[in-house]
C-alpha atoms as a PDB file:
ATOM      1  CA  MET A   1      19.601  -1.217 -25.309  1.00  0.00           C
ATOM      2  CA  ILE A   2      19.182   0.657 -21.995  1.00  0.00           C
ATOM      3  CA  ARG A   3      17.455  -2.519 -20.198  1.00  0.00           C
ATOM      4  CA  LEU A   4      14.976  -0.334 -17.339  1.00  0.00           C
ATOM      5  CA  ALA A   5      13.582  -1.196 -13.758  1.00  0.00           C
ATOM      6  CA  PRO A   6      10.068  -0.559 -14.406  1.00  0.00           C
ATOM      7  CA  GLU A   7       8.901   1.624 -12.147  1.00  0.00           C
ATOM      8  CA  GLY A   8      11.167   4.195 -14.191  1.00  0.00           C
ATOM      9  CA  TRP A   9       8.309   3.212 -17.722  1.00  0.00           C
ATOM     10  CA  PRO A  10       5.742   5.332 -16.300  1.00  0.00           C
ATOM     11  CA  LEU A  11       8.455   8.129 -15.767  1.00  0.00           C
ATOM     12  CA  VAL A  12      10.056   7.889 -18.890  1.00  0.00           C
ATOM     13  CA  LEU A  13       6.932   7.603 -21.125  1.00  0.00           C
ATOM     14  CA  THR A  14       4.841  10.371 -18.935  1.00  0.00           C
ATOM     15  CA  GLY A  15       8.555  13.036 -19.434  1.00  0.00           C
ATOM     16  CA  LEU A  16       8.024  11.711 -22.770  1.00  0.00           C
ATOM     17  CA  VAL A  17       5.400  12.327 -24.060  1.00  0.00           C
ATOM     18  CA  LEU A  18       5.010  16.212 -22.648  1.00  0.00           C
ATOM     19  CA  SER A  19       8.132  17.054 -24.453  1.00  0.00           C
ATOM     20  CA  LEU A  20       6.981  16.209 -26.958  1.00  0.00           C
ATOM     21  CA  ALA A  21       3.893  18.567 -26.885  1.00  0.00           C
ATOM     22  CA  LEU A  22       5.667  21.454 -25.178  1.00  0.00           C
ATOM     23  CA  GLY A  23       7.738  20.821 -28.202  1.00  0.00           C
ATOM     24  CA  GLY A  24       5.637  20.387 -30.394  1.00  0.00           C
ATOM     25  CA  ALA A  25       2.845  23.373 -29.211  1.00  0.00           C
ATOM     26  CA  GLY A  26       6.916  25.463 -29.940  1.00  0.00           C
ATOM     27  CA  ILE A  27       7.112  24.660 -33.070  1.00  0.00           C
ATOM     28  CA  TRP A  28       3.132  24.191 -34.809  1.00  0.00           C
ATOM     29  CA  GLY A  29       1.666  26.059 -32.549  1.00  0.00           C
ATOM     30  CA  SER A  30      -0.957  27.007 -35.082  1.00  0.00           C
ATOM     31  CA  ALA A  31      -2.209  23.433 -35.455  1.00  0.00           C
ATOM     32  CA  LEU A  32      -1.548  22.264 -32.090  1.00  0.00           C
ATOM     33  CA  LEU A  33      -2.922  25.219 -30.022  1.00  0.00           C
ATOM     34  CA  GLY A  34      -5.257  26.533 -32.746  1.00  0.00           C
ATOM     35  CA  ALA A  35      -3.071  29.945 -32.717  1.00  0.00           C
ATOM     36  CA  GLN A  36      -0.048  31.141 -34.117  1.00  0.00           C
ATOM     37  CA  PRO A  37       2.137  31.652 -30.193  1.00  0.00           C
ATOM     38  CA  GLY A  38       4.420  35.072 -30.141  1.00  0.00           C
ATOM     39  CA  PRO A  39       8.549  35.027 -29.493  1.00  0.00           C
ATOM     40  CA  LEU A  40       8.089  35.192 -26.216  1.00  0.00           C
ATOM     41  CA  TRP A  41       5.889  31.556 -25.869  1.00  0.00           C
ATOM     42  CA  ARG A  42       7.622  29.742 -27.942  1.00  0.00           C
ATOM     43  CA  SER A  43      11.084  30.153 -26.472  1.00  0.00           C
ATOM     44  CA  ALA A  44       8.942  29.221 -23.243  1.00  0.00           C
ATOM     45  CA  LEU A  45       7.252  26.176 -24.589  1.00  0.00           C
ATOM     46  CA  LEU A  46      10.724  25.258 -26.767  1.00  0.00           C
ATOM     47  CA  ALA A  47      13.104  25.788 -23.097  1.00  0.00           C
ATOM     48  CA  GLY A  48       9.851  24.014 -20.916  1.00  0.00           C
ATOM     49  CA  ALA A  49      10.199  21.008 -23.981  1.00  0.00           C
ATOM     50  CA  GLY A  50      14.505  20.987 -23.532  1.00  0.00           C
ATOM     51  CA  ILE A  51      14.429  20.763 -19.973  1.00  0.00           C
ATOM     52  CA  LEU A  52      11.469  17.990 -19.824  1.00  0.00           C
ATOM     53  CA  GLY A  53      13.844  16.237 -21.943  1.00  0.00           C
ATOM     54  CA  VAL A  54      16.679  16.378 -20.507  1.00  0.00           C
ATOM     55  CA  LEU A  55      15.089  14.471 -17.021  1.00  0.00           C
ATOM     56  CA  THR A  56      13.538  12.453 -19.300  1.00  0.00           C
ATOM     57  CA  LEU A  57      16.661  11.162 -20.184  1.00  0.00           C
ATOM     58  CA  PHE A  58      18.340  12.130 -16.892  1.00  0.00           C
ATOM     59  CA  THR A  59      15.237   9.811 -15.930  1.00  0.00           C
ATOM     60  CA  LEU A  60      15.838   6.457 -18.307  1.00  0.00           C
ATOM     61  CA  TYR A  61      19.313   6.888 -16.902  1.00  0.00           C
ATOM     62  CA  PHE A  62      19.315   6.344 -13.112  1.00  0.00           C
ATOM     63  CA  PHE A  63      16.626   3.235 -13.148  1.00  0.00           C
ATOM     64  CA  ARG A  64      18.932   1.901 -15.381  1.00  0.00           C
ATOM     65  CA  ASP A  65      18.939  -1.769 -15.153  1.00  0.00           C
ATOM     66  CA  PRO A  66      22.721  -2.623 -16.255  1.00  0.00           C
ATOM     67  CA  VAL A  67      22.906  -6.939 -16.167  1.00  0.00           C
ATOM     68  CA  ARG A  68      24.940  -8.720 -14.107  1.00  0.00           C
ATOM     69  CA  ILE A  69      26.726 -11.851 -13.525  1.00  0.00           C
ATOM     70  CA  PRO A  70      27.565 -12.202 -10.323  1.00  0.00           C
ATOM     71  CA  PRO A  71      31.241 -14.264  -9.904  1.00  0.00           C
ATOM     72  CA  PRO A  72      31.816 -17.691  -9.051  1.00  0.00           C
ATOM     73  CA  GLY A  73      31.683 -19.010  -5.120  1.00  0.00           C
ATOM     74  CA  GLU A  74      28.622 -19.805  -3.155  1.00  0.00           C
ATOM     75  CA  GLU A  75      31.086 -18.359  -0.078  1.00  0.00           C
ATOM     76  CA  LEU A  76      31.507 -15.370  -1.567  1.00  0.00           C
ATOM     77  CA  VAL A  77      29.280 -12.469  -0.043  1.00  0.00           C
ATOM     78  CA  LEU A  78      27.971 -10.609  -2.436  1.00  0.00           C
ATOM     79  CA  ALA A  79      27.698  -5.958  -3.067  1.00  0.00           C
ATOM     80  CA  PRO A  80      23.821  -5.932  -2.482  1.00  0.00           C
ATOM     81  CA  GLY A  81      24.263  -2.222  -3.796  1.00  0.00           C
ATOM     82  CA  ASP A  82      26.271   0.113  -5.878  1.00  0.00           C
ATOM     83  CA  GLY A  83      27.913   2.707  -4.486  1.00  0.00           C
ATOM     84  CA  ARG A  84      30.622   3.839  -1.202  1.00  0.00           C
ATOM     85  CA  VAL A  85      31.209   1.551   1.614  1.00  0.00           C
ATOM     86  CA  ILE A  86      30.229   5.093   4.435  1.00  0.00           C
ATOM     87  CA  GLN A  87      31.196   2.453   7.305  1.00  0.00           C
ATOM     88  CA  ILE A  88      31.810  -0.806   8.613  1.00  0.00           C
ATOM     89  CA  LEU A  89      30.862  -0.840  11.756  1.00  0.00           C
ATOM     90  CA  ARG A  90      30.143  -4.077  14.451  1.00  0.00           C
ATOM     91  CA  VAL A  91      26.223  -3.239  16.144  1.00  0.00           C
ATOM     92  CA  PRO A  92      23.587  -5.121  18.076  1.00  0.00           C
ATOM     93  CA  GLU A  93      20.644  -6.770  15.116  1.00  0.00           C
ATOM     94  CA  PRO A  94      18.252  -7.948  17.072  1.00  0.00           C
ATOM     95  CA  ASP A  95      15.743  -8.264  14.513  1.00  0.00           C
ATOM     96  CA  PHE A  96      17.139 -11.061  12.445  1.00  0.00           C
ATOM     97  CA  LEU A  97      20.265 -12.288  13.870  1.00  0.00           C
ATOM     98  CA  GLY A  98      19.738 -12.285  17.213  1.00  0.00           C
ATOM     99  CA  GLY A  99      23.559 -10.532  18.780  1.00  0.00           C
ATOM    100  CA  GLU A 100      25.631  -8.173  17.375  1.00  0.00           C
ATOM    101  CA  ALA A 101      27.331  -7.603  13.855  1.00  0.00           C
ATOM    102  CA  THR A 102      29.218  -6.953  11.192  1.00  0.00           C
ATOM    103  CA  ARG A 103      26.871  -3.796   9.576  1.00  0.00           C
ATOM    104  CA  ILE A 104      28.631  -2.415   5.749  1.00  0.00           C
ATOM    105  CA  SER A 105      26.954   0.667   5.131  1.00  0.00           C
ATOM    106  CA  ILE A 106      27.118   1.726   1.157  1.00  0.00           C
ATOM    107  CA  PHE A 107      25.336   5.060   0.583  1.00  0.00           C
ATOM    108  CA  LEU A 108      24.174   5.478  -3.860  1.00  0.00           C
ATOM    109  CA  SER A 109      23.787   8.378  -5.288  1.00  0.00           C
ATOM    110  CA  ILE A 110      22.250  10.184  -7.220  1.00  0.00           C
ATOM    111  CA  PHE A 111      24.272   8.472 -10.313  1.00  0.00           C
ATOM    112  CA  ASN A 112      24.704   4.796  -8.350  1.00  0.00           C
ATOM    113  CA  VAL A 113      23.059   1.918  -9.739  1.00  0.00           C
ATOM    114  CA  HIS A 114      19.189   1.959  -7.604  1.00  0.00           C
ATOM    115  CA  LEU A 115      18.228  -1.236  -7.948  1.00  0.00           C
ATOM    116  CA  GLN A 116      19.151  -4.040  -4.973  1.00  0.00           C
ATOM    117  CA  ARG A 117      20.379  -7.463  -5.476  1.00  0.00           C
ATOM    118  CA  ALA A 118      20.531 -10.340  -2.955  1.00  0.00           C
ATOM    119  CA  PRO A 119      24.161 -11.056  -1.397  1.00  0.00           C
ATOM    120  CA  ILE A 120      23.783 -15.084  -1.015  1.00  0.00           C
ATOM    121  CA  SER A 121      21.056 -17.687  -2.049  1.00  0.00           C
ATOM    122  CA  GLY A 122      18.941 -18.464   0.366  1.00  0.00           C
ATOM    123  CA  GLU A 123      15.764 -17.690   1.090  1.00  0.00           C
ATOM    124  CA  VAL A 124      13.796 -14.792   2.832  1.00  0.00           C
ATOM    125  CA  ALA A 125      13.318 -16.064   6.414  1.00  0.00           C
ATOM    126  CA  PHE A 126      12.709 -12.406   6.634  1.00  0.00           C
ATOM    127  CA  ARG A 127      10.785  -9.187   6.133  1.00  0.00           C
ATOM    128  CA  SER A 128       9.721  -5.680   7.974  1.00  0.00           C
ATOM    129  CA  TYR A 129       9.181  -2.602   6.495  1.00  0.00           C
ATOM    130  CA  HIS A 130       9.385   0.430   9.469  1.00  0.00           C
ATOM    131  CA  PRO A 131       7.791   4.375   8.332  1.00  0.00           C
ATOM    132  CA  GLY A 132      10.517   6.832   9.787  1.00  0.00           C
ATOM    133  CA  LYS A 133      12.603  10.029   9.406  1.00  0.00           C
ATOM    134  CA  TYR A 134      14.395  10.765   6.033  1.00  0.00           C
ATOM    135  CA  LEU A 135      17.852  12.376   7.777  1.00  0.00           C
ATOM    136  CA  ALA A 136      20.949  12.828   5.600  1.00  0.00           C
ATOM    137  CA  ALA A 137      21.645   8.378   3.657  1.00  0.00           C
ATOM    138  CA  TRP A 138      25.698   9.080   5.341  1.00  0.00           C
ATOM    139  CA  ASN A 139      24.208  10.207   8.412  1.00  0.00           C
ATOM    140  CA  PRO A 140      24.260   7.150  11.219  1.00  0.00           C
ATOM    141  CA  LYS A 141      21.585   7.164  12.559  1.00  0.00           C
ATOM    142  CA  ALA A 142      19.445   6.803   9.441  1.00  0.00           C
ATOM    143  CA  SER A 143      19.824   2.457  10.484  1.00  0.00           C
ATOM    144  CA  GLU A 144      17.825   3.074  13.152  1.00  0.00           C
ATOM    145  CA  GLU A 145      15.673   7.000  12.087  1.00  0.00           C
ATOM    146  CA  ASN A 146      14.706   7.135   8.909  1.00  0.00           C
ATOM    147  CA  GLU A 147      12.098   5.019   6.536  1.00  0.00           C
ATOM    148  CA  ARG A 148      13.412   1.151   6.182  1.00  0.00           C
ATOM    149  CA  ALA A 149      13.120  -1.772   4.927  1.00  0.00           C
ATOM    150  CA  SER A 150      14.514  -5.237   5.637  1.00  0.00           C
ATOM    151  CA  LEU A 151      15.215  -7.980   4.285  1.00  0.00           C
ATOM    152  CA  GLY A 152      16.852 -11.365   6.302  1.00  0.00           C
ATOM    153  CA  ILE A 153      17.966 -14.560   3.747  1.00  0.00           C
ATOM    154  CA  VAL A 154      18.663 -17.863   4.943  1.00  0.00           C
ATOM    155  CA  SER A 155      21.732 -20.686   3.532  1.00  0.00           C
ATOM    156  CA  GLY A 156      21.922 -22.958   5.562  1.00  0.00           C
ATOM    157  CA  PRO A 157      23.795 -21.992   8.948  1.00  0.00           C
ATOM    158  CA  HIS A 158      24.824 -18.834   7.431  1.00  0.00           C
ATOM    159  CA  ARG A 159      22.163 -16.039   7.443  1.00  0.00           C
ATOM    160  CA  VAL A 160      22.324 -12.021   6.420  1.00  0.00           C
ATOM    161  CA  LEU A 161      19.922  -8.572   6.573  1.00  0.00           C
ATOM    162  CA  VAL A 162      19.919  -6.493   3.719  1.00  0.00           C
ATOM    163  CA  ARG A 163      18.180  -3.154   5.026  1.00  0.00           C
ATOM    164  CA  GLN A 164      17.494  -0.308   2.473  1.00  0.00           C
ATOM    165  CA  ILE A 165      17.073   3.171   4.014  1.00  0.00           C
ATOM    166  CA  ALA A 166      14.756   5.749   2.377  1.00  0.00           C
ATOM    167  CA  GLY A 167      17.402   9.646   2.470  1.00  0.00           C
ATOM    168  CA  LEU A 168      17.108  12.767   1.995  1.00  0.00           C
ATOM    169  CA  ILE A 169      16.116  12.420  -1.509  1.00  0.00           C
ATOM    170  CA  ALA A 170      14.850   8.879  -1.669  1.00  0.00           C
ATOM    171  CA  ARG A 171      10.859   8.314  -0.586  1.00  0.00           C
ATOM    172  CA  ARG A 172      10.110   5.193  -1.944  1.00  0.00           C
ATOM    173  CA  VAL A 173      11.482   1.897  -1.058  1.00  0.00           C
ATOM    174  CA  VAL A 174      10.535  -1.279  -3.376  1.00  0.00           C
ATOM    175  CA  THR A 175      11.401  -4.644  -1.425  1.00  0.00           C
ATOM    176  CA  ASP A 176      10.597  -7.442  -3.781  1.00  0.00           C
ATOM    177  CA  GLN A 177      10.440 -11.259  -2.305  1.00  0.00           C
ATOM    178  CA  GLU A 178       8.138 -11.926   0.550  1.00  0.00           C
ATOM    179  CA  GLU A 179       8.998 -14.402   2.991  1.00  0.00           C
ATOM    180  CA  GLY A 180       9.138 -17.697   1.573  1.00  0.00           C
ATOM    181  CA  ASP A 181      10.753 -17.097  -1.789  1.00  0.00           C
ATOM    182  CA  SER A 182      14.201 -18.122  -3.259  1.00  0.00           C
ATOM    183  CA  VAL A 183      16.782 -16.244  -4.398  1.00  0.00           C
ATOM    184  CA  ALA A 184      19.427 -16.557  -5.901  1.00  0.00           C
ATOM    185  CA  ARG A 185      23.010 -13.989  -5.683  1.00  0.00           C
ATOM    186  CA  GLY A 186      22.565 -10.832  -7.919  1.00  0.00           C
ATOM    187  CA  ASP A 187      18.905 -11.409  -7.791  1.00  0.00           C
ATOM    188  CA  ARG A 188      17.399  -7.826  -7.869  1.00  0.00           C
ATOM    189  CA  ILE A 189      14.900  -8.297  -4.052  1.00  0.00           C
ATOM    190  CA  GLY A 190      14.340  -3.902  -4.833  1.00  0.00           C
ATOM    191  CA  LEU A 191      14.778  -0.594  -5.464  1.00  0.00           C
ATOM    192  CA  ILE A 192      15.020   3.084  -3.732  1.00  0.00           C
ATOM    193  CA  ARG A 193      14.415   5.694  -5.531  1.00  0.00           C
ATOM    194  CA  PHE A 194      17.287   8.879  -5.419  1.00  0.00           C
ATOM    195  CA  GLY A 195      19.597   9.404  -3.280  1.00  0.00           C
ATOM    196  CA  SER A 196      19.823   7.132   0.134  1.00  0.00           C
ATOM    197  CA  ARG A 197      21.221   3.679   1.109  1.00  0.00           C
ATOM    198  CA  VAL A 198      22.241   0.485   2.355  1.00  0.00           C
ATOM    199  CA  ASP A 199      22.939  -1.726   4.798  1.00  0.00           C
ATOM    200  CA  LEU A 200      24.245  -4.942   5.072  1.00  0.00           C
ATOM    201  CA  PHE A 201      23.888  -7.049   8.343  1.00  0.00           C
ATOM    202  CA  LEU A 202      26.575  -9.997   8.398  1.00  0.00           C
ATOM    203  CA  PRO A 203      27.639 -12.770  11.596  1.00  0.00           C
ATOM    204  CA  PRO A 204      30.561 -10.411  13.173  1.00  0.00           C
ATOM    205  CA  GLU A 205      33.112 -13.706  12.968  1.00  0.00           C
ATOM    206  CA  TRP A 206      32.900 -13.343   8.877  1.00  0.00           C
ATOM    207  CA  GLU A 207      35.550 -12.305   7.247  1.00  0.00           C
ATOM    208  CA  VAL A 208      34.271  -8.911   5.956  1.00  0.00           C
ATOM    209  CA  THR A 209      37.106  -7.458   2.694  1.00  0.00           C
ATOM    210  CA  CYS A 210      35.913  -4.594   1.726  1.00  0.00           C
ATOM    211  CA  LYS A 211      36.689  -1.343   3.776  1.00  0.00           C
ATOM    212  CA  GLU A 212      35.747   2.244   4.079  1.00  0.00           C
ATOM    213  CA  GLY A 213      35.926   3.986   0.773  1.00  0.00           C
ATOM    214  CA  ASP A 214      35.933   1.131  -1.058  1.00  0.00           C
ATOM    215  CA  THR A 215      33.411   1.596  -4.455  1.00  0.00           C
ATOM    216  CA  ALA A 216      30.906  -0.884  -4.274  1.00  0.00           C
ATOM    217  CA  ARG A 217      28.745  -2.895  -7.189  1.00  0.00           C
ATOM    218  CA  GLY A 218      25.374  -4.129  -6.589  1.00  0.00           C
ATOM    219  CA  GLY A 219      25.277  -7.675  -7.536  1.00  0.00           C
ATOM    220  CA  LEU A 220      29.448  -7.877  -7.946  1.00  0.00           C
ATOM    221  CA  THR A 221      31.493  -6.131  -5.540  1.00  0.00           C
ATOM    222  CA  VAL A 222      33.324  -9.355  -2.846  1.00  0.00           C
ATOM    223  CA  LEU A 223      32.429  -7.541   0.336  1.00  0.00           C
ATOM    224  CA  ALA A 224      32.913 -10.752   2.658  1.00  0.00           C
ATOM    225  CA  ARG A 225      33.365 -14.574   2.824  1.00  0.00           C
ATOM    226  CA  MET A 226      31.469 -16.792   4.868  1.00  0.00           C
ATOM    227  CA  PRO A 227      33.101 -19.397   6.819  1.00  0.00           C
ATOM    228  CA  LYS A 228      33.000 -23.431   5.391  1.00  0.00           C
ATOM    229  CA  GLU A 229      30.474 -24.733   6.993  1.00  0.00           C
ATOM    230  CA  ARG A 230      31.409 -27.333   9.134  1.00  0.00           C
ATOM    231  CA  LYS A 231      30.030 -31.059   9.170  1.00  0.00           C
ATOM    232  CA  GLY A 232      26.485 -31.716  10.757  1.00  0.00           C
ATOM    233  CA  ASP A 233      25.913 -27.835  10.545  1.00  0.00           C
ATOM    234  CA  SER A 234      22.469 -27.807  10.105  1.00  0.00           C
ATOM    235  CA  GLY A 235      19.574 -24.202   8.513  1.00  0.00           C
END
């Protein structure tokens, strides 16, 4: 059985009801409409039911929420989302990391799972939302100019930032946690509807284990490794 993200149920149920209603009207028009539809109306109703049915199946597929069991190793930094690694770049990140950071950008097509997951275990210490443009998700400026939500996670002396970015089609970013909440590696932290992008910001000294062009799976694929804590380190 397919597990569905809660945001998908209203769309799936609405599409199912409408497709059944149109199909029923096309097949049993006299009972449902009080009159028998003509051949053209019957064809139009059945075609509409078929199109809605396909869209409903796609919605069911889009909002799927597969069970993911993270690989062992708390030092492993996991992908926050499914998709393709389109860029690994050194950039300034003043909001949470307070300096330079390594940004790993993942592009999510409409065929990818669109849930976002925590890359490390820890406490949510930062959350922000910025309205903005809807540039194509692969545009380098999307991280700074598009509608976006950011979530910063602290684990001892370590901190990472996940940024959910709306794209050309995506117009709805959902972020689950609030500041002070605890998350475990692989926990759901949000969702972006339709084509979009997720950026992961890491301290620049961390070892990056992925490369541009790699395929990532949220909560499973290892993108980097945290350095081992030294004696005397504290959060």
